[in-house]
Structure formats: structure tokens, C-alpha cells
Amino acid sequence: WMTPIALLLLSHKTLTGLTTVTPNLGMIALFLSAGIVTTFPLLWFTNAAKRLRLSTLGFIQYLAPSLQLLCGVFLYQEPFTPTHVLTFSCIWLALLIYSATSLLRSQ
């Protein structure tokens, strides 16, 4: 839906000289392929999410931010204060309690 609007905007800016980048064939190909490259992982995730229970999917959704936190702390030496430790511990404690009660109900 946004492609025609983006193409009109880019064309207008190029024709009026308001752009700082002169589009060439390679740049145009990158713009056009960016949407396709972005769409495929989202479609794959949607297809996989349909096959999972919502509780499992919700639990998995906490993995990405947790891995990003670990990368930030260990790879980029970002500060991890006691407040961060407490917050992170509370989130994972809540997930542990939820998972344990779900597991006990299923048995």
C-alpha cells in the first residue's frame, strides 16, 4: 500500500532537487527489494505462529529481548545496574510461575 506513495515522494524530491542522493538503478533495486526482503520473515513467523499455542508463542516472545539484553551487557558492555537485575529477575520469575502452573494444569 505504501509503495506508490513512496515512489511518488521519491520522484517528486528527485525532480525538484530536494534529495541528497541521486538514485541510480542499484539504489532503485534496493528500494524495491527492501519490502520483499522484510515481508518474508514476517510471513514465515505468521505461518509458524499459527501452529503454536498462544502460551508457547508468548513465552518465545520473551527470548528475543532477553538475548538482546545479554548481547548488550556482554558484547557491548552496557551497564547492568541492580535495578536492571531486579526488573529482569521479576519478569523471568513471572514467566517461570506461569510456565509451572501451565505445566501442572496440563498433567
N, C-alpha and C. Protein backbone atom coordinates (compact mmCIF):
# COMPACT_ATOMS: atom_id res chain seq x y z
N TRP A 1 0.82 -1.19 0.00
CA TRP A 1 0.00 0.00 0.00
C TRP A 1 0.86 1.26 0.00
N MET A 2 1.99 1.18 0.61
CA MET A 2 2.83 2.37 0.74
C MET A 2 3.76 2.59 -0.46
N THR A 3 3.95 1.57 -1.28
CA THR A 3 4.89 1.68 -2.39
C THR A 3 4.55 2.82 -3.35
N PRO A 4 3.29 2.95 -3.80
CA PRO A 4 3.00 4.06 -4.72
C PRO A 4 3.27 5.43 -4.09
N ILE A 5 2.94 5.57 -2.82
CA ILE A 5 3.16 6.84 -2.14
C ILE A 5 4.66 7.12 -2.03
N ALA A 6 5.43 6.11 -1.67
CA ALA A 6 6.88 6.28 -1.54
C ALA A 6 7.51 6.60 -2.90
N LEU A 7 7.06 5.93 -3.95
CA LEU A 7 7.60 6.21 -5.28
C LEU A 7 7.26 7.63 -5.72
N LEU A 8 6.05 8.08 -5.45
CA LEU A 8 5.68 9.46 -5.79
C LEU A 8 6.53 10.47 -5.01
N LEU A 9 6.72 10.21 -3.74
CA LEU A 9 7.52 11.11 -2.91
C LEU A 9 8.97 11.15 -3.39
N LEU A 10 9.55 9.98 -3.67
CA LEU A 10 10.93 9.94 -4.16
C LEU A 10 11.05 10.62 -5.51
N SER A 11 10.08 10.40 -6.38
CA SER A 11 10.11 11.04 -7.70
C SER A 11 10.02 12.56 -7.56
N HIS A 12 9.13 13.02 -6.73
CA HIS A 12 8.96 14.47 -6.53
C HIS A 12 10.24 15.09 -5.98
N LYS A 13 10.82 14.46 -4.98
CA LYS A 13 12.05 15.00 -4.37
C LYS A 13 13.21 14.98 -5.37
N THR A 14 13.26 13.94 -6.21
CA THR A 14 14.33 13.86 -7.20
C THR A 14 14.16 14.94 -8.26
N LEU A 15 12.93 15.11 -8.75
CA LEU A 15 12.68 16.09 -9.80
C LEU A 15 12.87 17.53 -9.32
N THR A 16 12.57 17.80 -8.07
CA THR A 16 12.72 19.16 -7.54
C THR A 16 14.11 19.42 -6.96
N GLY A 17 14.95 18.39 -6.91
CA GLY A 17 16.31 18.56 -6.41
C GLY A 17 16.40 18.63 -4.90
N LEU A 18 15.40 18.15 -4.20
CA LEU A 18 15.41 18.20 -2.74
C LEU A 18 16.08 16.99 -2.10
N THR A 19 16.46 16.02 -2.89
CA THR A 19 17.08 14.82 -2.33
C THR A 19 18.59 14.98 -2.30
N THR A 20 19.23 14.33 -1.35
CA THR A 20 20.69 14.37 -1.26
C THR A 20 21.33 13.18 -1.95
N VAL A 21 20.51 12.22 -2.36
CA VAL A 21 21.02 11.02 -3.01
C VAL A 21 20.48 10.99 -4.43
N THR A 22 21.37 10.80 -5.38
CA THR A 22 20.94 10.65 -6.76
C THR A 22 20.62 9.18 -6.99
N PRO A 23 19.35 8.86 -7.24
CA PRO A 23 19.00 7.45 -7.40
C PRO A 23 19.55 6.91 -8.71
N ASN A 24 20.18 5.75 -8.60
CA ASN A 24 20.63 5.04 -9.78
C ASN A 24 19.91 3.69 -9.81
N LEU A 25 20.19 2.88 -10.79
CA LEU A 25 19.48 1.62 -10.94
C LEU A 25 19.69 0.71 -9.72
N GLY A 26 20.88 0.70 -9.17
CA GLY A 26 21.14 -0.12 -7.98
C GLY A 26 20.34 0.35 -6.78
N MET A 27 20.27 1.67 -6.59
CA MET A 27 19.51 2.23 -5.46
C MET A 27 18.02 1.92 -5.62
N ILE A 28 17.51 2.04 -6.82
CA ILE A 28 16.10 1.74 -7.06
C ILE A 28 15.82 0.27 -6.79
N ALA A 29 16.73 -0.60 -7.21
CA ALA A 29 16.55 -2.04 -6.95
C ALA A 29 16.56 -2.34 -5.46
N LEU A 30 17.43 -1.65 -4.71
CA LEU A 30 17.45 -1.84 -3.26
C LEU A 30 16.14 -1.39 -2.62
N PHE A 31 15.63 -0.24 -3.05
CA PHE A 31 14.36 0.24 -2.52
C PHE A 31 13.23 -0.74 -2.79
N LEU A 32 13.17 -1.24 -4.02
CA LEU A 32 12.08 -2.14 -4.39
C LEU A 32 12.20 -3.50 -3.70
N SER A 33 13.41 -3.96 -3.49
CA SER A 33 13.58 -5.28 -2.87
C SER A 33 13.50 -5.23 -1.34
N ALA A 34 13.61 -4.06 -0.74
CA ALA A 34 13.60 -3.95 0.71
C ALA A 34 12.27 -4.44 1.29
N GLY A 35 11.18 -4.11 0.65
CA GLY A 35 9.87 -4.56 1.14
C GLY A 35 9.72 -6.07 1.06
N ILE A 36 10.19 -6.64 -0.02
CA ILE A 36 10.10 -8.10 -0.19
C ILE A 36 10.95 -8.81 0.84
N VAL A 37 12.17 -8.32 1.04
CA VAL A 37 13.08 -8.94 2.00
C VAL A 37 12.52 -8.84 3.41
N THR A 38 11.84 -7.75 3.71
CA THR A 38 11.25 -7.58 5.03
C THR A 38 10.01 -8.44 5.21
N THR A 39 9.27 -8.65 4.15
CA THR A 39 8.00 -9.36 4.23
C THR A 39 8.18 -10.85 4.50
N PHE A 40 9.16 -11.48 3.88
CA PHE A 40 9.30 -12.93 4.01
C PHE A 40 9.46 -13.41 5.46
N PRO A 41 10.35 -12.84 6.27
CA PRO A 41 10.43 -13.31 7.67
C PRO A 41 9.12 -13.12 8.43
N LEU A 42 8.40 -12.04 8.14
CA LEU A 42 7.12 -11.82 8.82
C LEU A 42 6.09 -12.87 8.41
N LEU A 43 6.06 -13.22 7.15
CA LEU A 43 5.14 -14.27 6.69
C LEU A 43 5.52 -15.63 7.28
N TRP A 44 6.81 -15.92 7.35
CA TRP A 44 7.25 -17.18 7.95
C TRP A 44 6.89 -17.24 9.42
N PHE A 45 7.07 -16.11 10.13
CA PHE A 45 6.71 -16.08 11.55
C PHE A 45 5.20 -16.29 11.72
N THR A 46 4.40 -15.65 10.88
CA THR A 46 2.95 -15.81 10.96
C THR A 46 2.55 -17.25 10.73
N ASN A 47 3.16 -17.88 9.76
CA ASN A 47 2.86 -19.28 9.46
C ASN A 47 3.25 -20.19 10.62
N ALA A 48 4.39 -19.93 11.23
CA ALA A 48 4.82 -20.74 12.36
C ALA A 48 3.96 -20.47 13.60
N ALA A 49 3.57 -19.22 13.79
CA ALA A 49 2.78 -18.86 14.97
C ALA A 49 1.40 -19.52 14.95
N LYS A 50 0.86 -19.77 13.78
CA LYS A 50 -0.44 -20.44 13.68
C LYS A 50 -0.39 -21.87 14.21
N ARG A 51 0.79 -22.46 14.20
CA ARG A 51 0.94 -23.86 14.62
C ARG A 51 1.24 -24.01 16.11
N LEU A 52 1.48 -22.90 16.80
CA LEU A 52 1.85 -22.95 18.21
C LEU A 52 0.68 -22.53 19.09
N ARG A 53 0.69 -23.01 20.33
CA ARG A 53 -0.27 -22.50 21.31
C ARG A 53 0.13 -21.07 21.67
N LEU A 54 -0.84 -20.26 22.05
CA LEU A 54 -0.55 -18.87 22.38
C LEU A 54 0.37 -18.76 23.59
N SER A 55 0.25 -19.66 24.55
CA SER A 55 1.13 -19.60 25.71
C SER A 55 2.58 -19.88 25.32
N THR A 56 2.78 -20.81 24.40
CA THR A 56 4.13 -21.10 23.91
C THR A 56 4.68 -19.92 23.12
N LEU A 57 3.85 -19.36 22.29
CA LEU A 57 4.27 -18.22 21.48
C LEU A 57 4.62 -17.03 22.38
N GLY A 58 3.81 -16.79 23.40
CA GLY A 58 4.09 -15.70 24.33
C GLY A 58 5.41 -15.89 25.05
N PHE A 59 5.70 -17.14 25.45
CA PHE A 59 6.96 -17.41 26.13
C PHE A 59 8.14 -17.16 25.19
N ILE A 60 8.01 -17.60 23.95
CA ILE A 60 9.09 -17.43 22.98
C ILE A 60 9.33 -15.95 22.69
N GLN A 61 8.26 -15.14 22.78
CA GLN A 61 8.42 -13.72 22.52
C GLN A 61 9.34 -13.04 23.54
N TYR A 62 9.54 -13.67 24.69
CA TYR A 62 10.44 -13.09 25.70
C TYR A 62 11.90 -13.45 25.42
N LEU A 63 12.15 -14.39 24.54
CA LEU A 63 13.53 -14.79 24.28
C LEU A 63 14.30 -13.70 23.54
N ALA A 64 13.70 -13.08 22.54
CA ALA A 64 14.42 -12.08 21.74
C ALA A 64 14.89 -10.90 22.60
N PRO A 65 14.01 -10.28 23.42
CA PRO A 65 14.52 -9.19 24.25
C PRO A 65 15.57 -9.66 25.27
N SER A 66 15.42 -10.87 25.75
CA SER A 66 16.41 -11.38 26.71
C SER A 66 17.76 -11.58 26.04
N LEU A 67 17.76 -12.10 24.82
CA LEU A 67 19.01 -12.27 24.08
C LEU A 67 19.62 -10.91 23.73
N GLN A 68 18.78 -9.94 23.41
CA GLN A 68 19.28 -8.60 23.14
C GLN A 68 19.91 -8.00 24.39
N LEU A 69 19.30 -8.24 25.53
CA LEU A 69 19.86 -7.76 26.80
C LEU A 69 21.23 -8.40 27.04
N LEU A 70 21.32 -9.70 26.85
CA LEU A 70 22.60 -10.38 27.05
C LEU A 70 23.67 -9.86 26.09
N CYS A 71 23.29 -9.62 24.83
CA CYS A 71 24.24 -9.04 23.88
C CYS A 71 24.69 -7.66 24.33
N GLY A 72 23.75 -6.85 24.79
CA GLY A 72 24.09 -5.50 25.24
C GLY A 72 25.03 -5.51 26.42
N VAL A 73 24.79 -6.42 27.35
CA VAL A 73 25.61 -6.45 28.56
C VAL A 73 26.98 -7.06 28.29
N PHE A 74 27.01 -8.20 27.60
CA PHE A 74 28.28 -8.92 27.44
C PHE A 74 29.08 -8.49 26.21
N LEU A 75 28.42 -8.16 25.11
CA LEU A 75 29.17 -7.77 23.91
C LEU A 75 29.50 -6.28 23.89
N TYR A 76 28.54 -5.45 24.32
CA TYR A 76 28.72 -4.01 24.22
C TYR A 76 28.98 -3.34 25.56
N GLN A 77 29.16 -4.12 26.62
CA GLN A 77 29.49 -3.63 27.95
C GLN A 77 28.55 -2.50 28.42
N GLU A 78 27.26 -2.64 28.13
CA GLU A 78 26.29 -1.67 28.63
C GLU A 78 26.10 -1.90 30.13
N PRO A 79 25.77 -0.85 30.87
CA PRO A 79 25.60 -1.01 32.31
C PRO A 79 24.40 -1.89 32.65
N PHE A 80 24.58 -2.72 33.65
CA PHE A 80 23.51 -3.61 34.13
C PHE A 80 23.43 -3.39 35.64
N THR A 81 22.63 -2.41 36.00
CA THR A 81 22.55 -1.96 37.39
C THR A 81 21.71 -2.92 38.23
N PRO A 82 21.75 -2.79 39.54
CA PRO A 82 20.89 -3.61 40.40
C PRO A 82 19.39 -3.45 40.08
N THR A 83 18.99 -2.28 39.62
CA THR A 83 17.60 -2.09 39.21
C THR A 83 17.27 -2.96 38.00
N HIS A 84 18.19 -3.03 37.06
CA HIS A 84 18.01 -3.89 35.89
C HIS A 84 17.92 -5.36 36.31
N VAL A 85 18.79 -5.76 37.22
CA VAL A 85 18.78 -7.14 37.71
C VAL A 85 17.43 -7.48 38.35
N LEU A 86 16.93 -6.58 39.18
CA LEU A 86 15.65 -6.80 39.84
C LEU A 86 14.51 -6.90 38.83
N THR A 87 14.49 -5.99 37.89
CA THR A 87 13.43 -5.99 36.88
C THR A 87 13.48 -7.25 36.02
N PHE A 88 14.67 -7.59 35.55
CA PHE A 88 14.85 -8.78 34.72
C PHE A 88 14.47 -10.03 35.50
N SER A 89 14.84 -10.10 36.76
CA SER A 89 14.51 -11.25 37.60
C SER A 89 13.01 -11.37 37.81
N CYS A 90 12.33 -10.26 38.03
CA CYS A 90 10.87 -10.30 38.22
C CYS A 90 10.16 -10.79 36.97
N ILE A 91 10.61 -10.33 35.81
CA ILE A 91 9.99 -10.77 34.55
C ILE A 91 10.15 -12.27 34.39
N TRP A 92 11.35 -12.78 34.58
CA TRP A 92 11.58 -14.21 34.38
C TRP A 92 10.98 -15.05 35.51
N LEU A 93 10.88 -14.51 36.69
CA LEU A 93 10.18 -15.23 37.77
C LEU A 93 8.70 -15.38 37.43
N ALA A 94 8.10 -14.32 36.91
CA ALA A 94 6.70 -14.39 36.49
C ALA A 94 6.51 -15.42 35.37
N LEU A 95 7.44 -15.45 34.43
CA LEU A 95 7.36 -16.45 33.36
C LEU A 95 7.54 -17.86 33.90
N LEU A 96 8.41 -18.03 34.86
CA LEU A 96 8.61 -19.34 35.47
C LEU A 96 7.35 -19.80 36.20
N ILE A 97 6.71 -18.90 36.95
CA ILE A 97 5.47 -19.25 37.66
C ILE A 97 4.37 -19.60 36.66
N TYR A 98 4.24 -18.80 35.61
CA TYR A 98 3.22 -19.05 34.59
C TYR A 98 3.46 -20.40 33.91
N SER A 99 4.72 -20.66 33.56
CA SER A 99 5.04 -21.93 32.89
C SER A 99 4.80 -23.12 33.81
N ALA A 100 5.15 -22.98 35.07
CA ALA A 100 4.96 -24.08 36.01
C ALA A 100 3.46 -24.37 36.21
N THR A 101 2.64 -23.32 36.36
CA THR A 101 1.22 -23.57 36.52
C THR A 101 0.59 -24.14 35.25
N SER A 102 1.06 -23.72 34.10
CA SER A 102 0.56 -24.29 32.84
C SER A 102 0.95 -25.75 32.72
N LEU A 103 2.16 -26.07 33.14
CA LEU A 103 2.62 -27.44 33.09
C LEU A 103 1.84 -28.32 34.05
N LEU A 104 1.57 -27.81 35.25
CA LEU A 104 0.81 -28.59 36.24
C LEU A 104 -0.64 -28.79 35.79
N ARG A 105 -1.23 -27.82 35.13
CA ARG A 105 -2.61 -27.96 34.64
C ARG A 105 -2.71 -28.98 33.51
N SER A 106 -1.68 -29.07 32.71
CA SER A 106 -1.74 -29.99 31.55
C SER A 106 -1.56 -31.44 31.97
N GLN A 107 -1.11 -31.70 33.19
CA GLN A 107 -0.89 -33.09 33.63
C GLN A 107 -2.06 -33.63 34.32
